[in-house]
Amino acid sequence: MNDAPAYGLWSLVVINSAVFIIFAFSFTKPKTPRDWRSFGAFSAFIVALFAEMYGFPLTIYLLSGWLQSRYPNVNWFSHDAGHLLEELFGWRTNPHFGPFHLASFVLIGSGFILLSSAWRVLYQAQREHRLATTGVYARIRHPQYDAFILIMFGFLLQWPTLLTLLMFPVLVWMYVRLARSEERDVLAEFGDEYSRYVQQTPAFFPRMDLKH
């Protein structure tokens, strides 16, 4: 484990937050107030995450007494120790190659791929003033919200903090409400066509039936 302190690096907080927020923005290009709410909530999660990853380790600080008593040989204020799941489950080598960290890469990457795929279909549908029902929209009605949830959950596996753990269920609930609100608007615009689409296509979890 690298025991060198790795906090107070606020420039890294700004740089990493900006990279992921701009990356997500390039895929979503929010336009409506609803778009900006969903994107803003995601951005707040990212900032909170990197603030603890490189700025001030609030979670480690609050849990330091318990952590130090259970794992006395770990320097909990080193960067590697911030990968809490790897430490708590006994991964004693480089945590960046641990199972939780590798799983987080898969989830985060999958989330951005889904976000990109959803945006291409949605953008074309909006230009042609029609429903987005092809591509990933043929499998689920709200792939963009699924994508944000996948990315956030991936980051939780990589670097869980008390604040982001509290934020995550609130943001999932908010995305579900935004999706329901969005559906009411689209139903008012497209009527029976959207009703048929809703009956055929799940909201968030794709059906396992490969024939669908």
N, C-alpha and C. Protein backbone atom coordinates (compact mmCIF):
# COMPACT_ATOMS: atom_id res chain seq x y z
N MET A 1 0.84 -1.20 0.00
CA MET A 1 0.00 0.00 0.00
C MET A 1 0.88 1.25 0.00
N ASN A 2 0.52 2.22 -0.79
CA ASN A 2 1.21 3.50 -0.77
C ASN A 2 0.68 4.32 0.39
N ASP A 3 1.55 4.57 1.39
CA ASP A 3 1.10 5.24 2.60
C ASP A 3 1.23 6.76 2.54
N ALA A 4 1.64 7.30 1.41
CA ALA A 4 1.79 8.75 1.31
C ALA A 4 0.42 9.42 1.38
N PRO A 5 0.29 10.47 2.20
CA PRO A 5 -0.99 11.20 2.26
C PRO A 5 -1.36 11.72 0.88
N ALA A 6 -2.63 11.69 0.57
CA ALA A 6 -3.05 12.07 -0.78
C ALA A 6 -4.30 12.93 -0.74
N TYR A 7 -4.41 13.83 0.23
CA TYR A 7 -5.58 14.69 0.34
C TYR A 7 -5.15 16.15 0.32
N GLY A 8 -6.12 17.03 0.25
CA GLY A 8 -5.82 18.45 0.11
C GLY A 8 -5.43 18.82 -1.31
N LEU A 9 -5.67 17.91 -2.25
CA LEU A 9 -5.31 18.14 -3.65
C LEU A 9 -6.53 18.69 -4.39
N TRP A 10 -6.88 19.92 -4.08
CA TRP A 10 -8.12 20.49 -4.61
C TRP A 10 -8.07 20.73 -6.11
N SER A 11 -6.87 20.90 -6.64
CA SER A 11 -6.77 21.04 -8.10
C SER A 11 -7.22 19.75 -8.79
N LEU A 12 -6.90 18.59 -8.18
CA LEU A 12 -7.36 17.32 -8.74
C LEU A 12 -8.87 17.16 -8.60
N VAL A 13 -9.43 17.72 -7.53
CA VAL A 13 -10.88 17.70 -7.37
C VAL A 13 -11.53 18.44 -8.54
N VAL A 14 -11.02 19.62 -8.84
CA VAL A 14 -11.59 20.44 -9.92
C VAL A 14 -11.39 19.76 -11.27
N ILE A 15 -10.18 19.27 -11.53
CA ILE A 15 -9.88 18.68 -12.83
C ILE A 15 -10.70 17.42 -13.07
N ASN A 16 -10.72 16.50 -12.10
CA ASN A 16 -11.45 15.26 -12.28
C ASN A 16 -12.95 15.50 -12.38
N SER A 17 -13.47 16.40 -11.54
CA SER A 17 -14.90 16.71 -11.62
C SER A 17 -15.24 17.28 -12.99
N ALA A 18 -14.41 18.21 -13.46
CA ALA A 18 -14.67 18.84 -14.75
C ALA A 18 -14.63 17.83 -15.88
N VAL A 19 -13.66 16.91 -15.85
CA VAL A 19 -13.54 15.91 -16.92
C VAL A 19 -14.80 15.07 -17.02
N PHE A 20 -15.28 14.54 -15.89
CA PHE A 20 -16.44 13.66 -15.94
C PHE A 20 -17.73 14.43 -16.23
N ILE A 21 -17.84 15.64 -15.71
CA ILE A 21 -19.04 16.43 -15.96
C ILE A 21 -19.11 16.86 -17.43
N ILE A 22 -17.99 17.31 -17.96
CA ILE A 22 -17.97 17.71 -19.37
C ILE A 22 -18.20 16.50 -20.28
N PHE A 23 -17.62 15.35 -19.89
CA PHE A 23 -17.82 14.12 -20.66
C PHE A 23 -19.30 13.76 -20.70
N ALA A 24 -19.95 13.81 -19.55
CA ALA A 24 -21.38 13.50 -19.49
C ALA A 24 -22.19 14.55 -20.26
N PHE A 25 -21.80 15.81 -20.14
CA PHE A 25 -22.50 16.89 -20.85
C PHE A 25 -22.43 16.67 -22.36
N SER A 26 -21.28 16.19 -22.85
CA SER A 26 -21.13 16.00 -24.29
C SER A 26 -22.08 14.94 -24.82
N PHE A 27 -22.51 14.02 -23.94
CA PHE A 27 -23.44 12.97 -24.36
C PHE A 27 -24.90 13.37 -24.17
N THR A 28 -25.17 14.22 -23.17
CA THR A 28 -26.57 14.51 -22.84
C THR A 28 -27.07 15.82 -23.44
N LYS A 29 -26.18 16.83 -23.50
CA LYS A 29 -26.55 18.15 -24.03
C LYS A 29 -27.91 18.61 -23.51
N PRO A 30 -28.02 18.83 -22.19
CA PRO A 30 -29.33 19.19 -21.60
C PRO A 30 -29.89 20.47 -22.20
N LYS A 31 -31.20 20.45 -22.42
CA LYS A 31 -31.88 21.61 -23.00
C LYS A 31 -33.05 22.07 -22.13
N THR A 32 -33.87 21.13 -21.72
CA THR A 32 -35.06 21.48 -20.94
C THR A 32 -34.71 21.60 -19.46
N PRO A 33 -35.59 22.25 -18.66
CA PRO A 33 -35.36 22.28 -17.21
C PRO A 33 -35.23 20.90 -16.61
N ARG A 34 -35.98 19.93 -17.12
CA ARG A 34 -35.88 18.55 -16.62
C ARG A 34 -34.50 17.97 -16.92
N ASP A 35 -33.99 18.24 -18.12
CA ASP A 35 -32.65 17.76 -18.48
C ASP A 35 -31.60 18.34 -17.54
N TRP A 36 -31.73 19.63 -17.26
CA TRP A 36 -30.74 20.29 -16.41
C TRP A 36 -30.83 19.79 -14.97
N ARG A 37 -32.03 19.44 -14.50
CA ARG A 37 -32.15 18.90 -13.14
C ARG A 37 -31.44 17.55 -13.02
N SER A 38 -31.66 16.68 -14.01
CA SER A 38 -31.02 15.37 -13.96
C SER A 38 -29.51 15.49 -14.10
N PHE A 39 -29.06 16.36 -14.99
CA PHE A 39 -27.63 16.56 -15.18
C PHE A 39 -27.01 17.24 -13.96
N GLY A 40 -27.70 18.21 -13.37
CA GLY A 40 -27.19 18.90 -12.19
C GLY A 40 -27.05 17.97 -11.00
N ALA A 41 -28.01 17.07 -10.82
CA ALA A 41 -27.93 16.11 -9.72
C ALA A 41 -26.73 15.18 -9.90
N PHE A 42 -26.52 14.71 -11.13
CA PHE A 42 -25.37 13.87 -11.42
C PHE A 42 -24.07 14.64 -11.15
N SER A 43 -24.01 15.89 -11.56
CA SER A 43 -22.82 16.70 -11.35
C SER A 43 -22.52 16.90 -9.87
N ALA A 44 -23.56 17.11 -9.06
CA ALA A 44 -23.37 17.26 -7.62
C ALA A 44 -22.79 15.99 -7.01
N PHE A 45 -23.25 14.84 -7.47
CA PHE A 45 -22.71 13.57 -7.00
C PHE A 45 -21.23 13.46 -7.33
N ILE A 46 -20.86 13.81 -8.55
CA ILE A 46 -19.47 13.72 -8.99
C ILE A 46 -18.58 14.64 -8.17
N VAL A 47 -19.02 15.86 -7.93
CA VAL A 47 -18.22 16.81 -7.14
C VAL A 47 -18.04 16.30 -5.71
N ALA A 48 -19.13 15.80 -5.11
CA ALA A 48 -19.04 15.26 -3.74
C ALA A 48 -18.07 14.09 -3.68
N LEU A 49 -18.09 13.25 -4.70
CA LEU A 49 -17.20 12.10 -4.75
C LEU A 49 -15.74 12.53 -4.78
N PHE A 50 -15.38 13.39 -5.74
CA PHE A 50 -13.98 13.76 -5.89
C PHE A 50 -13.50 14.68 -4.77
N ALA A 51 -14.42 15.41 -4.14
CA ALA A 51 -14.03 16.23 -2.99
C ALA A 51 -13.50 15.35 -1.86
N GLU A 52 -14.08 14.16 -1.70
CA GLU A 52 -13.57 13.25 -0.68
C GLU A 52 -12.41 12.40 -1.19
N MET A 53 -12.38 12.14 -2.46
CA MET A 53 -11.31 11.31 -3.01
C MET A 53 -9.96 12.02 -2.97
N TYR A 54 -9.98 13.33 -3.24
CA TYR A 54 -8.72 14.07 -3.30
C TYR A 54 -8.65 15.29 -2.39
N GLY A 55 -9.80 15.75 -1.89
CA GLY A 55 -9.81 16.95 -1.08
C GLY A 55 -9.72 16.67 0.40
N PHE A 56 -10.87 16.45 1.03
CA PHE A 56 -10.91 16.16 2.47
C PHE A 56 -11.66 14.85 2.69
N PRO A 57 -11.02 13.83 3.31
CA PRO A 57 -11.65 12.51 3.47
C PRO A 57 -12.63 12.48 4.64
N LEU A 58 -13.78 13.12 4.46
CA LEU A 58 -14.74 13.23 5.55
C LEU A 58 -15.17 11.87 6.08
N THR A 59 -15.44 10.93 5.19
CA THR A 59 -15.87 9.59 5.62
C THR A 59 -14.80 8.90 6.45
N ILE A 60 -13.56 8.94 5.98
CA ILE A 60 -12.46 8.33 6.73
C ILE A 60 -12.30 9.01 8.08
N TYR A 61 -12.43 10.33 8.09
CA TYR A 61 -12.28 11.09 9.34
C TYR A 61 -13.36 10.68 10.35
N LEU A 62 -14.60 10.58 9.90
CA LEU A 62 -15.70 10.24 10.81
C LEU A 62 -15.62 8.79 11.30
N LEU A 63 -15.11 7.90 10.45
CA LEU A 63 -15.03 6.49 10.81
C LEU A 63 -13.65 6.07 11.30
N SER A 64 -12.74 7.03 11.45
CA SER A 64 -11.35 6.69 11.73
C SER A 64 -11.17 5.89 13.02
N GLY A 65 -11.92 6.22 14.06
CA GLY A 65 -11.80 5.49 15.32
C GLY A 65 -12.14 4.02 15.15
N TRP A 66 -13.27 3.75 14.52
CA TRP A 66 -13.69 2.37 14.30
C TRP A 66 -12.75 1.65 13.36
N LEU A 67 -12.35 2.32 12.26
CA LEU A 67 -11.46 1.69 11.30
C LEU A 67 -10.11 1.36 11.91
N GLN A 68 -9.56 2.29 12.69
CA GLN A 68 -8.25 2.08 13.28
C GLN A 68 -8.27 0.95 14.32
N SER A 69 -9.38 0.82 15.04
CA SER A 69 -9.47 -0.26 16.04
C SER A 69 -9.61 -1.62 15.37
N ARG A 70 -10.28 -1.67 14.21
CA ARG A 70 -10.47 -2.95 13.53
C ARG A 70 -9.28 -3.31 12.63
N TYR A 71 -8.64 -2.29 12.06
CA TYR A 71 -7.53 -2.52 11.13
C TYR A 71 -6.36 -1.62 11.54
N PRO A 72 -5.67 -1.96 12.63
CA PRO A 72 -4.64 -1.08 13.19
C PRO A 72 -3.41 -0.90 12.31
N ASN A 73 -3.19 -1.79 11.36
CA ASN A 73 -1.97 -1.72 10.55
C ASN A 73 -2.17 -0.95 9.24
N VAL A 74 -3.35 -0.39 9.07
CA VAL A 74 -3.64 0.35 7.84
C VAL A 74 -3.53 1.85 8.11
N ASN A 75 -2.84 2.55 7.22
CA ASN A 75 -2.81 4.02 7.28
C ASN A 75 -4.05 4.53 6.56
N TRP A 76 -5.08 4.85 7.31
CA TRP A 76 -6.37 5.17 6.71
C TRP A 76 -6.40 6.53 6.02
N PHE A 77 -5.33 7.30 6.15
CA PHE A 77 -5.30 8.59 5.46
C PHE A 77 -4.38 8.55 4.24
N SER A 78 -4.07 7.34 3.78
CA SER A 78 -3.40 7.19 2.50
C SER A 78 -4.47 7.09 1.41
N HIS A 79 -4.06 7.33 0.18
CA HIS A 79 -5.02 7.29 -0.91
C HIS A 79 -5.59 5.89 -1.11
N ASP A 80 -4.71 4.89 -1.08
CA ASP A 80 -5.17 3.52 -1.32
C ASP A 80 -6.23 3.08 -0.34
N ALA A 81 -6.11 3.53 0.92
CA ALA A 81 -7.07 3.11 1.95
C ALA A 81 -8.46 3.70 1.70
N GLY A 82 -8.53 4.74 0.87
CA GLY A 82 -9.84 5.30 0.55
C GLY A 82 -10.71 4.36 -0.25
N HIS A 83 -10.11 3.34 -0.85
CA HIS A 83 -10.90 2.30 -1.52
C HIS A 83 -11.43 1.37 -0.43
N LEU A 84 -12.43 1.83 0.27
CA LEU A 84 -12.87 1.17 1.50
C LEU A 84 -13.30 -0.28 1.30
N LEU A 85 -14.02 -0.56 0.23
CA LEU A 85 -14.51 -1.92 0.04
C LEU A 85 -13.36 -2.90 -0.14
N GLU A 86 -12.33 -2.48 -0.86
CA GLU A 86 -11.18 -3.36 -1.04
C GLU A 86 -10.51 -3.64 0.30
N GLU A 87 -10.41 -2.62 1.14
CA GLU A 87 -9.78 -2.80 2.45
C GLU A 87 -10.64 -3.65 3.38
N LEU A 88 -11.92 -3.33 3.45
CA LEU A 88 -12.80 -4.03 4.39
C LEU A 88 -12.97 -5.50 4.04
N PHE A 89 -12.85 -5.82 2.74
CA PHE A 89 -12.99 -7.22 2.33
C PHE A 89 -11.64 -7.92 2.20
N GLY A 90 -10.58 -7.25 2.66
CA GLY A 90 -9.30 -7.93 2.79
C GLY A 90 -8.43 -7.98 1.56
N TRP A 91 -8.68 -7.10 0.57
CA TRP A 91 -7.82 -7.06 -0.60
C TRP A 91 -6.56 -6.29 -0.23
N ARG A 92 -5.45 -6.98 -0.04
CA ARG A 92 -4.27 -6.38 0.55
C ARG A 92 -3.20 -5.98 -0.46
N THR A 93 -3.49 -6.13 -1.74
CA THR A 93 -2.55 -5.66 -2.75
C THR A 93 -3.07 -4.35 -3.33
N ASN A 94 -2.58 -3.96 -4.48
CA ASN A 94 -2.98 -2.70 -5.08
C ASN A 94 -4.50 -2.66 -5.28
N PRO A 95 -5.21 -1.76 -4.60
CA PRO A 95 -6.68 -1.75 -4.70
C PRO A 95 -7.19 -1.39 -6.08
N HIS A 96 -6.35 -0.77 -6.91
CA HIS A 96 -6.79 -0.42 -8.25
C HIS A 96 -7.00 -1.65 -9.13
N PHE A 97 -6.49 -2.80 -8.67
CA PHE A 97 -6.70 -4.05 -9.41
C PHE A 97 -7.59 -5.00 -8.60
N GLY A 98 -8.26 -4.47 -7.59
CA GLY A 98 -9.15 -5.28 -6.78
C GLY A 98 -10.48 -5.52 -7.48
N PRO A 99 -11.27 -6.47 -7.00
CA PRO A 99 -12.53 -6.83 -7.68
C PRO A 99 -13.55 -5.70 -7.72
N PHE A 100 -13.64 -4.92 -6.63
CA PHE A 100 -14.62 -3.83 -6.62
C PHE A 100 -14.22 -2.72 -7.58
N HIS A 101 -12.91 -2.45 -7.62
CA HIS A 101 -12.44 -1.39 -8.51
C HIS A 101 -12.62 -1.79 -9.97
N LEU A 102 -12.31 -3.04 -10.29
CA LEU A 102 -12.50 -3.51 -11.67
C LEU A 102 -13.98 -3.52 -12.06
N ALA A 103 -14.83 -3.95 -11.12
CA ALA A 103 -16.27 -3.92 -11.39
C ALA A 103 -16.76 -2.50 -11.61
N SER A 104 -16.17 -1.56 -10.88
CA SER A 104 -16.59 -0.15 -11.04
C SER A 104 -16.26 0.35 -12.44
N PHE A 105 -15.11 -0.05 -12.98
CA PHE A 105 -14.75 0.35 -14.33
C PHE A 105 -15.76 -0.17 -15.35
N VAL A 106 -16.21 -1.42 -15.17
CA VAL A 106 -17.18 -2.01 -16.08
C VAL A 106 -18.49 -1.22 -16.02
N LEU A 107 -18.96 -0.91 -14.80
CA LEU A 107 -20.23 -0.19 -14.65
C LEU A 107 -20.13 1.23 -15.19
N ILE A 108 -19.05 1.93 -14.85
CA ILE A 108 -18.90 3.31 -15.32
C ILE A 108 -18.79 3.34 -16.85
N GLY A 109 -17.97 2.46 -17.42
CA GLY A 109 -17.84 2.40 -18.87
C GLY A 109 -19.16 2.05 -19.55
N SER A 110 -19.87 1.07 -18.98
CA SER A 110 -21.17 0.69 -19.54
C SER A 110 -22.16 1.84 -19.48
N GLY A 111 -22.11 2.60 -18.38
CA GLY A 111 -23.00 3.74 -18.24
C GLY A 111 -22.76 4.79 -19.30
N PHE A 112 -21.50 5.10 -19.56
CA PHE A 112 -21.20 6.11 -20.57
C PHE A 112 -21.52 5.61 -21.98
N ILE A 113 -21.31 4.32 -22.23
CA ILE A 113 -21.68 3.77 -23.54
C ILE A 113 -23.19 3.85 -23.73
N LEU A 114 -23.94 3.49 -22.67
CA LEU A 114 -25.40 3.56 -22.75
C LEU A 114 -25.86 5.00 -22.94
N LEU A 115 -25.23 5.94 -22.24
CA LEU A 115 -25.59 7.35 -22.36
C LEU A 115 -25.36 7.84 -23.78
N SER A 116 -24.22 7.46 -24.36
CA SER A 116 -23.91 7.86 -25.73
C SER A 116 -24.90 7.26 -26.73
N SER A 117 -25.21 5.97 -26.55
CA SER A 117 -26.14 5.30 -27.46
C SER A 117 -27.53 5.92 -27.38
N ALA A 118 -27.96 6.21 -26.16
CA ALA A 118 -29.28 6.80 -25.97
C ALA A 118 -29.36 8.18 -26.60
N TRP A 119 -28.31 8.98 -26.42
CA TRP A 119 -28.33 10.33 -26.94
C TRP A 119 -28.44 10.37 -28.46
N ARG A 120 -27.72 9.48 -29.15
CA ARG A 120 -27.77 9.47 -30.62
C ARG A 120 -29.18 9.19 -31.11
N VAL A 121 -29.84 8.22 -30.49
CA VAL A 121 -31.21 7.89 -30.91
C VAL A 121 -32.17 9.03 -30.57
N LEU A 122 -32.05 9.58 -29.36
CA LEU A 122 -32.96 10.64 -28.92
C LEU A 122 -32.78 11.91 -29.76
N TYR A 123 -31.53 12.25 -30.05
CA TYR A 123 -31.26 13.46 -30.84
C TYR A 123 -31.89 13.36 -32.22
N GLN A 124 -31.74 12.21 -32.88
CA GLN A 124 -32.31 12.03 -34.21
C GLN A 124 -33.83 12.07 -34.16
N ALA A 125 -34.41 11.46 -33.11
CA ALA A 125 -35.87 11.46 -32.98
C ALA A 125 -36.40 12.87 -32.76
N GLN A 126 -35.70 13.65 -31.96
CA GLN A 126 -36.14 15.03 -31.71
C GLN A 126 -36.06 15.87 -32.97
N ARG A 127 -35.03 15.66 -33.77
CA ARG A 127 -34.90 16.41 -35.02
C ARG A 127 -36.05 16.09 -35.97
N GLU A 128 -36.49 14.84 -35.94
CA GLU A 128 -37.57 14.42 -36.84
C GLU A 128 -38.94 14.50 -36.19
N HIS A 129 -38.98 15.00 -34.98
CA HIS A 129 -40.22 15.15 -34.21
C HIS A 129 -41.02 13.85 -34.18
N ARG A 130 -40.38 12.81 -33.69
CA ARG A 130 -41.02 11.52 -33.53
C ARG A 130 -40.55 10.89 -32.22
N LEU A 131 -41.19 9.79 -31.84
CA LEU A 131 -40.78 9.07 -30.64
C LEU A 131 -39.45 8.37 -30.86
N ALA A 132 -38.64 8.33 -29.80
CA ALA A 132 -37.40 7.55 -29.83
C ALA A 132 -37.75 6.12 -29.41
N THR A 133 -37.79 5.22 -30.37
CA THR A 133 -38.19 3.84 -30.09
C THR A 133 -37.21 2.82 -30.67
N THR A 134 -36.11 3.27 -31.22
CA THR A 134 -35.14 2.37 -31.81
C THR A 134 -33.89 2.28 -30.93
N GLY A 135 -32.96 1.42 -31.32
CA GLY A 135 -31.73 1.28 -30.54
C GLY A 135 -32.02 0.84 -29.11
N VAL A 136 -31.37 1.50 -28.15
CA VAL A 136 -31.59 1.13 -26.75
C VAL A 136 -33.01 1.46 -26.30
N TYR A 137 -33.67 2.40 -26.99
CA TYR A 137 -35.05 2.75 -26.64
C TYR A 137 -36.03 1.65 -27.03
N ALA A 138 -35.59 0.69 -27.82
CA ALA A 138 -36.44 -0.46 -28.11
C ALA A 138 -36.43 -1.45 -26.96
N ARG A 139 -35.47 -1.30 -26.04
CA ARG A 139 -35.36 -2.21 -24.90
C ARG A 139 -35.87 -1.60 -23.61
N ILE A 140 -35.60 -0.31 -23.41
CA ILE A 140 -36.05 0.40 -22.21
C ILE A 140 -36.46 1.82 -22.59
N ARG A 141 -37.37 2.38 -21.79
CA ARG A 141 -37.90 3.71 -22.12
C ARG A 141 -37.01 4.85 -21.61
N HIS A 142 -36.18 4.57 -20.60
CA HIS A 142 -35.39 5.65 -19.99
C HIS A 142 -33.92 5.27 -19.85
N PRO A 143 -33.26 5.00 -20.98
CA PRO A 143 -31.86 4.57 -20.90
C PRO A 143 -30.93 5.65 -20.33
N GLN A 144 -31.27 6.92 -20.53
CA GLN A 144 -30.40 7.98 -20.03
C GLN A 144 -30.35 7.99 -18.50
N TYR A 145 -31.48 7.72 -17.86
CA TYR A 145 -31.49 7.67 -16.40
C TYR A 145 -30.81 6.40 -15.89
N ASP A 146 -31.01 5.30 -16.60
CA ASP A 146 -30.27 4.07 -16.25
C ASP A 146 -28.77 4.31 -16.33
N ALA A 147 -28.35 5.05 -17.35
CA ALA A 147 -26.92 5.31 -17.54
C ALA A 147 -26.34 6.09 -16.36
N PHE A 148 -27.03 7.16 -15.94
CA PHE A 148 -26.55 7.93 -14.80
C PHE A 148 -26.46 7.06 -13.55
N ILE A 149 -27.44 6.20 -13.34
CA ILE A 149 -27.46 5.33 -12.16
C ILE A 149 -26.31 4.33 -12.21
N LEU A 150 -26.04 3.76 -13.38
CA LEU A 150 -24.92 2.84 -13.53
C LEU A 150 -23.60 3.51 -13.20
N ILE A 151 -23.41 4.72 -13.72
CA ILE A 151 -22.16 5.44 -13.48
C ILE A 151 -21.99 5.75 -12.00
N MET A 152 -23.04 6.24 -11.36
CA MET A 152 -22.95 6.57 -9.94
C MET A 152 -22.70 5.32 -9.09
N PHE A 153 -23.38 4.23 -9.42
CA PHE A 153 -23.17 3.00 -8.66
C PHE A 153 -21.75 2.49 -8.85
N GLY A 154 -21.22 2.63 -10.06
CA GLY A 154 -19.84 2.25 -10.31
C GLY A 154 -18.87 3.04 -9.43
N PHE A 155 -19.10 4.33 -9.33
CA PHE A 155 -18.24 5.15 -8.47
C PHE A 155 -18.39 4.77 -7.00
N LEU A 156 -19.59 4.37 -6.59
CA LEU A 156 -19.78 3.93 -5.20
C LEU A 156 -18.96 2.68 -4.90
N LEU A 157 -18.89 1.76 -5.85
CA LEU A 157 -18.06 0.58 -5.64
C LEU A 157 -16.59 0.94 -5.54
N GLN A 158 -16.18 1.93 -6.32
CA GLN A 158 -14.78 2.32 -6.35
C GLN A 158 -14.37 3.12 -5.12
N TRP A 159 -15.23 4.04 -4.70
CA TRP A 159 -14.85 4.96 -3.62
C TRP A 159 -16.10 5.35 -2.83
N PRO A 160 -16.61 4.48 -1.98
CA PRO A 160 -17.83 4.81 -1.23
C PRO A 160 -17.57 5.87 -0.17
N THR A 161 -18.47 6.82 -0.05
CA THR A 161 -18.39 7.82 1.01
C THR A 161 -19.77 7.94 1.65
N LEU A 162 -19.81 8.45 2.85
CA LEU A 162 -21.08 8.60 3.54
C LEU A 162 -22.02 9.52 2.77
N LEU A 163 -21.46 10.62 2.23
CA LEU A 163 -22.29 11.59 1.53
C LEU A 163 -22.86 11.00 0.24
N THR A 164 -22.03 10.34 -0.55
CA THR A 164 -22.53 9.80 -1.81
C THR A 164 -23.46 8.60 -1.57
N LEU A 165 -23.23 7.86 -0.49
CA LEU A 165 -24.15 6.77 -0.15
C LEU A 165 -25.52 7.32 0.22
N LEU A 166 -25.56 8.48 0.87
CA LEU A 166 -26.83 9.12 1.19
C LEU A 166 -27.47 9.73 -0.06
N MET A 167 -26.64 10.29 -0.93
CA MET A 167 -27.15 10.92 -2.14
C MET A 167 -27.72 9.92 -3.13
N PHE A 168 -27.12 8.75 -3.21
CA PHE A 168 -27.47 7.80 -4.27
C PHE A 168 -28.95 7.44 -4.29
N PRO A 169 -29.54 6.96 -3.18
CA PRO A 169 -30.98 6.61 -3.24
C PRO A 169 -31.87 7.82 -3.50
N VAL A 170 -31.45 8.99 -3.02
CA VAL A 170 -32.23 10.20 -3.28
C VAL A 170 -32.22 10.52 -4.77
N LEU A 171 -31.06 10.38 -5.40
CA LEU A 171 -30.96 10.67 -6.83
C LEU A 171 -31.71 9.63 -7.66
N VAL A 172 -31.66 8.37 -7.25
CA VAL A 172 -32.43 7.35 -7.97
C VAL A 172 -33.92 7.68 -7.89
N TRP A 173 -34.39 8.05 -6.72
CA TRP A 173 -35.80 8.44 -6.55
C TRP A 173 -36.13 9.65 -7.42
N MET A 174 -35.20 10.62 -7.48
CA MET A 174 -35.42 11.81 -8.29
C MET A 174 -35.50 11.46 -9.77
N TYR A 175 -34.63 10.55 -10.23
CA TYR A 175 -34.66 10.14 -11.63
C TYR A 175 -35.95 9.41 -11.98
N VAL A 176 -36.45 8.61 -11.07
CA VAL A 176 -37.72 7.92 -11.31
C VAL A 176 -38.85 8.95 -11.44
N ARG A 177 -38.86 9.95 -10.57
CA ARG A 177 -39.88 10.99 -10.64
C ARG A 177 -39.75 11.80 -11.94
N LEU A 178 -38.53 12.11 -12.33
CA LEU A 178 -38.34 12.84 -13.58
C LEU A 178 -38.82 12.01 -14.77
N ALA A 179 -38.57 10.70 -14.72
CA ALA A 179 -39.03 9.83 -15.80
C ALA A 179 -40.54 9.82 -15.88
N ARG A 180 -41.21 9.74 -14.73
CA ARG A 180 -42.68 9.75 -14.73
C ARG A 180 -43.22 11.07 -15.26
N SER A 181 -42.60 12.16 -14.87
CA SER A 181 -43.02 13.47 -15.36
C SER A 181 -42.80 13.57 -16.87
N GLU A 182 -41.69 13.07 -17.33
CA GLU A 182 -41.39 13.07 -18.76
C GLU A 182 -42.42 12.25 -19.53
N GLU A 183 -42.82 11.13 -18.96
CA GLU A 183 -43.80 10.28 -19.64
C GLU A 183 -45.15 10.98 -19.80
N ARG A 184 -45.55 11.73 -18.78
CA ARG A 184 -46.82 12.46 -18.88
C ARG A 184 -46.77 13.48 -20.02
N ASP A 185 -45.65 14.14 -20.16
CA ASP A 185 -45.50 15.14 -21.22
C ASP A 185 -45.52 14.49 -22.60
N VAL A 186 -44.80 13.37 -22.72
CA VAL A 186 -44.73 12.69 -24.02
C VAL A 186 -46.09 12.09 -24.37
N LEU A 187 -46.79 11.58 -23.37
CA LEU A 187 -48.13 11.02 -23.61
C LEU A 187 -49.08 12.10 -24.12
N ALA A 188 -48.98 13.30 -23.56
CA ALA A 188 -49.83 14.41 -24.00
C ALA A 188 -49.51 14.80 -25.44
N GLU A 189 -48.24 14.59 -25.85
CA GLU A 189 -47.84 14.99 -27.20
C GLU A 189 -48.13 13.90 -28.23
N PHE A 190 -47.89 12.64 -27.89
CA PHE A 190 -47.98 11.56 -28.88
C PHE A 190 -49.17 10.63 -28.67
N GLY A 191 -49.86 10.74 -27.55
CA GLY A 191 -51.10 10.01 -27.34
C GLY A 191 -50.99 8.50 -27.43
N ASP A 192 -51.85 7.90 -28.29
CA ASP A 192 -51.93 6.44 -28.38
C ASP A 192 -50.63 5.80 -28.83
N GLU A 193 -49.88 6.49 -29.64
CA GLU A 193 -48.61 5.93 -30.11
C GLU A 193 -47.68 5.68 -28.92
N TYR A 194 -47.65 6.63 -28.00
CA TYR A 194 -46.79 6.45 -26.82
C TYR A 194 -47.38 5.41 -25.87
N SER A 195 -48.69 5.35 -25.77
CA SER A 195 -49.33 4.35 -24.91
C SER A 195 -48.96 2.94 -25.37
N ARG A 196 -48.95 2.71 -26.67
CA ARG A 196 -48.56 1.39 -27.19
C ARG A 196 -47.09 1.11 -26.89
N TYR A 197 -46.27 2.13 -27.01
CA TYR A 197 -44.84 1.98 -26.72
C TYR A 197 -44.63 1.61 -25.25
N VAL A 198 -45.36 2.26 -24.35
CA VAL A 198 -45.26 1.98 -22.92
C VAL A 198 -45.66 0.54 -22.62
N GLN A 199 -46.70 0.05 -23.28
CA GLN A 199 -47.16 -1.32 -23.06
C GLN A 199 -46.15 -2.35 -23.53
N GLN A 200 -45.38 -2.01 -24.54
CA GLN A 200 -44.45 -2.95 -25.14
C GLN A 200 -43.04 -2.88 -24.53
N THR A 201 -42.68 -1.74 -23.93
CA THR A 201 -41.28 -1.50 -23.54
C THR A 201 -41.18 -1.17 -22.06
N PRO A 202 -40.36 -1.91 -21.29
CA PRO A 202 -40.19 -1.62 -19.86
C PRO A 202 -39.56 -0.25 -19.64
N ALA A 203 -39.77 0.29 -18.45
CA ALA A 203 -39.25 1.63 -18.15
C ALA A 203 -37.74 1.62 -17.91
N PHE A 204 -37.26 0.74 -17.02
CA PHE A 204 -35.86 0.80 -16.60
C PHE A 204 -35.10 -0.51 -16.74
N PHE A 205 -35.80 -1.64 -16.66
CA PHE A 205 -35.13 -2.95 -16.69
C PHE A 205 -35.55 -3.69 -17.94
N PRO A 206 -34.62 -3.96 -18.85
CA PRO A 206 -35.00 -4.66 -20.09
C PRO A 206 -35.46 -6.08 -19.82
N ARG A 207 -36.38 -6.53 -20.63
CA ARG A 207 -36.82 -7.92 -20.52
C ARG A 207 -35.71 -8.86 -20.95
N MET A 208 -35.67 -10.02 -20.34
CA MET A 208 -34.67 -11.00 -20.68
C MET A 208 -35.02 -11.79 -21.94
N ASP A 209 -36.26 -11.63 -22.41
CA ASP A 209 -36.69 -12.32 -23.62
C ASP A 209 -35.94 -11.78 -24.82
N LEU A 210 -35.08 -12.60 -25.41
CA LEU A 210 -34.24 -12.15 -26.53
C LEU A 210 -35.05 -11.87 -27.78
N LYS A 211 -36.32 -12.35 -27.81
CA LYS A 211 -37.16 -12.10 -28.98
C LYS A 211 -37.76 -10.72 -28.97
N HIS A 212 -37.67 -10.02 -27.75
CA HIS A 212 -38.29 -8.70 -27.67
C HIS A 212 -37.51 -7.68 -28.49
